[in-house]
Amino acid sequence: MTDSGIHAAQTAPGVIDDLSRREPEATVGSRWELVADTVMGGCSDGRVRRETVQGRPAMRMTGRVRLENNGGFLQIALNLRPDGRTVDARGWTGIALDVLGNGETYNLHLRTADVQRPWQSYRHGFTAAPAWTTVVCPFTDFAAHRIDAPLDLSRLRRIGLVAIGRAFDADLAVGGVRFYR
């Protein structure tokens, strides 16, 4: 393990996923998964798949976010450790994402060991431009959502890239995820 708690088998310090492993496994050893609002009665539908997008390997989430039945989200989520335990991210400034999308606004959600309910998270919005772009999300800019506990970077457990809050067609490709200083 490195000082961030990420497995030493990764290709560089701070890498969460560089898409070098077989789908759907991330560099940290856990697997990307699609979570839709259908788990709570909503009717959004989507899919996630590994593909080459504008010449670059990517995890790509596509689908339709719908608001019926109190729905409103699609998410690709990744535990930061295969065993679901926490990672100490206090040595990092934030998370950088290499993304390409359809010009829509998406969220990066963080979950810590303090997050007990599915609707709780720490959130940072970003726009996914139609060309590959690196988006930096400083930990200081994340807002707590329906949780009173402050963001505890020593107990970071899961990240999610989320299309949320309004009806729209989601198309988000992720070519890399990493901690940065």
Protein backbone atom coordinates (compact mmCIF):
# COMPACT_ATOMS: atom_id res chain seq x y z
CA MET A 1 0.00 0.00 0.00
CA THR A 2 1.09 3.54 -0.63
CA ASP A 3 0.51 6.45 1.73
CA SER A 4 -2.93 6.99 0.14
CA GLY A 5 -4.07 3.46 0.93
CA ILE A 6 -4.33 2.59 -2.77
CA HIS A 7 -2.88 -0.79 -3.73
CA ALA A 8 0.78 -0.78 -4.73
CA ALA A 9 -0.01 -2.78 -7.89
CA GLN A 10 -1.24 0.36 -9.61
CA THR A 11 0.81 1.99 -12.34
CA ALA A 12 1.44 5.34 -10.62
CA PRO A 13 0.84 6.91 -7.20
CA GLY A 14 -2.71 8.15 -6.80
CA VAL A 15 -4.17 6.26 -9.76
CA ILE A 16 -7.70 5.03 -9.13
CA ASP A 17 -8.31 3.81 -12.68
CA ASP A 18 -6.20 4.23 -15.81
CA LEU A 19 -8.26 1.65 -17.75
CA SER A 20 -5.30 -0.70 -18.08
CA ARG A 21 -7.17 -3.70 -16.66
CA ARG A 22 -9.89 -5.85 -18.22
CA GLU A 23 -13.44 -4.51 -18.03
CA PRO A 24 -15.01 -3.84 -15.58
CA GLU A 25 -12.03 -4.00 -13.19
CA ALA A 26 -10.36 -0.72 -12.24
CA THR A 27 -6.67 -0.25 -11.46
CA VAL A 28 -7.45 -0.38 -7.71
CA GLY A 29 -8.86 -3.91 -8.19
CA SER A 30 -12.55 -3.22 -7.62
CA ARG A 31 -15.21 -3.17 -10.33
CA TRP A 32 -17.21 -0.36 -11.90
CA GLU A 33 -20.95 -0.86 -11.55
CA LEU A 34 -24.01 0.89 -12.89
CA VAL A 35 -26.54 2.03 -10.30
CA ALA A 36 -29.85 3.50 -11.47
CA ASP A 37 -32.77 5.02 -9.61
CA THR A 38 -34.68 1.78 -10.25
CA VAL A 39 -33.27 0.57 -6.91
CA MET A 40 -35.66 3.10 -5.34
CA GLY A 41 -38.62 2.79 -7.73
CA GLY A 42 -37.46 5.22 -10.45
CA CYS A 43 -37.41 4.39 -14.16
CA SER A 44 -34.14 5.82 -15.49
CA ASP A 45 -32.28 3.37 -17.68
CA GLY A 46 -28.70 3.17 -18.78
CA ARG A 47 -25.67 1.05 -19.36
CA VAL A 48 -21.96 1.14 -18.76
CA ARG A 49 -19.40 -0.45 -21.03
CA ARG A 50 -15.72 -0.25 -21.86
CA GLU A 51 -15.11 1.16 -25.33
CA THR A 52 -12.77 3.37 -27.28
CA VAL A 53 -14.08 6.94 -27.44
CA GLN A 54 -12.32 9.39 -29.74
CA GLY A 55 -9.23 7.19 -29.77
CA ARG A 56 -9.03 6.62 -26.01
CA PRO A 57 -10.08 3.65 -23.83
CA ALA A 58 -12.95 4.68 -21.57
CA MET A 59 -15.72 3.54 -19.27
CA ARG A 60 -18.82 5.01 -20.89
CA MET A 61 -22.16 5.54 -19.20
CA THR A 62 -25.12 6.21 -21.49
CA GLY A 63 -28.82 6.33 -20.84
CA ARG A 64 -31.88 8.38 -20.08
CA VAL A 65 -32.39 10.06 -16.70
CA ARG A 66 -36.12 10.19 -15.96
CA LEU A 67 -37.96 11.88 -13.10
CA GLU A 68 -41.07 9.68 -12.97
CA ASN A 69 -41.71 7.71 -9.74
CA ASN A 70 -39.35 10.01 -7.80
CA GLY A 71 -36.45 8.93 -9.99
CA GLY A 72 -33.67 11.05 -11.36
CA PHE A 73 -30.23 9.44 -11.57
CA LEU A 74 -27.82 7.12 -13.30
CA GLN A 75 -24.43 6.42 -11.73
CA ILE A 76 -21.26 4.48 -12.36
CA ALA A 77 -19.71 3.72 -8.99
CA LEU A 78 -16.42 2.28 -7.83
CA ASN A 79 -15.25 1.15 -4.41
CA LEU A 80 -11.74 2.46 -3.79
CA ARG A 81 -10.72 -0.96 -2.44
CA PRO A 82 -11.93 -4.38 -3.60
CA ASP A 83 -12.81 -5.33 -0.02
CA GLY A 84 -14.94 -2.18 0.44
CA ARG A 85 -12.72 -0.85 3.23
CA THR A 86 -11.71 2.80 3.37
CA VAL A 87 -8.78 4.69 1.88
CA ASP A 88 -6.88 7.51 3.56
CA ALA A 89 -6.86 10.36 1.02
CA ARG A 90 -5.59 13.10 3.36
CA GLY A 91 -2.29 13.33 1.44
CA TRP A 92 -4.12 14.43 -1.72
CA THR A 93 -5.73 17.72 -2.81
CA GLY A 94 -8.61 16.18 -4.77
CA ILE A 95 -9.62 13.92 -7.64
CA ALA A 96 -8.87 14.51 -11.32
CA LEU A 97 -11.08 13.00 -14.02
CA ASP A 98 -10.37 12.65 -17.73
CA VAL A 99 -13.84 12.98 -19.24
CA LEU A 100 -15.64 13.43 -22.51
CA GLY A 101 -19.37 13.93 -22.76
CA ASN A 102 -22.31 15.62 -24.35
CA GLY A 103 -21.87 19.05 -22.76
CA GLU A 104 -24.12 18.19 -19.80
CA THR A 105 -23.41 18.71 -16.12
CA TYR A 106 -22.60 15.63 -14.06
CA ASN A 107 -21.54 15.08 -10.44
CA LEU A 108 -18.67 13.35 -8.73
CA HIS A 109 -20.02 11.86 -5.49
CA LEU A 110 -17.83 10.68 -2.63
CA ARG A 111 -18.90 8.27 0.07
CA THR A 112 -17.05 7.81 3.33
CA ALA A 113 -17.52 5.42 6.22
CA ASP A 114 -19.80 8.10 7.75
CA VAL A 115 -22.30 7.83 4.88
CA GLN A 116 -25.04 5.44 6.00
CA ARG A 117 -27.99 6.27 3.72
CA PRO A 118 -28.13 5.88 -0.08
CA TRP A 119 -29.11 9.54 -0.58
CA GLN A 120 -26.15 10.88 1.42
CA SER A 121 -22.91 11.91 -0.27
CA TYR A 122 -20.38 14.67 -0.80
CA ARG A 123 -20.86 16.25 -4.24
CA HIS A 124 -18.93 18.22 -6.83
CA GLY A 125 -20.45 19.20 -10.19
CA PHE A 126 -18.60 19.34 -13.50
CA THR A 127 -19.39 19.73 -17.19
CA ALA A 128 -18.33 16.98 -19.58
CA ALA A 129 -17.29 18.74 -22.78
CA PRO A 130 -17.49 16.97 -26.18
CA ALA A 131 -13.67 16.73 -26.26
CA TRP A 132 -11.36 14.96 -23.79
CA THR A 133 -10.82 17.28 -20.83
CA THR A 134 -9.24 16.88 -17.41
CA VAL A 135 -11.57 18.08 -14.66
CA VAL A 136 -10.08 18.72 -11.22
CA CYS A 137 -12.31 18.38 -8.19
CA PRO A 138 -10.61 19.76 -5.05
CA PHE A 139 -11.81 18.10 -1.86
CA THR A 140 -12.45 21.58 -0.40
CA ASP A 141 -15.14 22.19 -3.06
CA PHE A 142 -17.30 19.15 -2.25
CA ALA A 143 -20.66 19.92 -0.63
CA ALA A 144 -22.27 17.62 1.90
CA HIS A 145 -25.66 16.34 0.71
CA ARG A 146 -28.16 15.25 3.37
CA ILE A 147 -25.39 14.50 5.87
CA ASP A 148 -24.15 16.62 8.76
CA ALA A 149 -20.75 14.98 9.16
CA PRO A 150 -17.84 16.83 7.54
CA LEU A 151 -15.98 15.11 4.71
CA ASP A 152 -13.48 12.80 6.44
CA LEU A 153 -10.76 12.11 3.89
CA SER A 154 -9.18 9.49 6.15
CA ARG A 155 -12.26 7.28 5.58
CA LEU A 156 -12.99 7.62 1.84
CA ARG A 157 -14.73 4.50 0.55
CA ARG A 158 -16.43 4.97 -2.83
CA ILE A 159 -16.72 7.34 -5.77
CA GLY A 160 -19.61 7.74 -8.17
CA LEU A 161 -19.95 9.61 -11.46
CA VAL A 162 -23.57 10.63 -11.59
CA ALA A 163 -26.13 11.98 -14.05
CA ILE A 164 -28.70 13.42 -11.67
CA GLY A 165 -31.55 15.77 -10.90
CA ARG A 166 -33.24 16.46 -14.24
CA ALA A 167 -34.53 14.55 -17.23
CA PHE A 168 -31.83 14.29 -19.89
CA ASP A 169 -29.83 11.92 -22.07
CA ALA A 170 -26.60 10.99 -20.28
CA ASP A 171 -23.42 10.25 -22.23
CA LEU A 172 -20.28 10.36 -20.12
CA ALA A 173 -16.95 8.72 -20.99
CA VAL A 174 -14.22 8.46 -18.34
CA GLY A 175 -10.67 7.85 -19.51
CA GLY A 176 -8.90 8.11 -16.15
CA VAL A 177 -9.50 8.82 -12.46
CA ARG A 178 -6.77 9.73 -9.99
CA PHE A 179 -5.95 11.56 -6.81
CA TYR A 180 -3.84 14.67 -7.31
CA ARG A 181 -1.73 16.93 -5.12
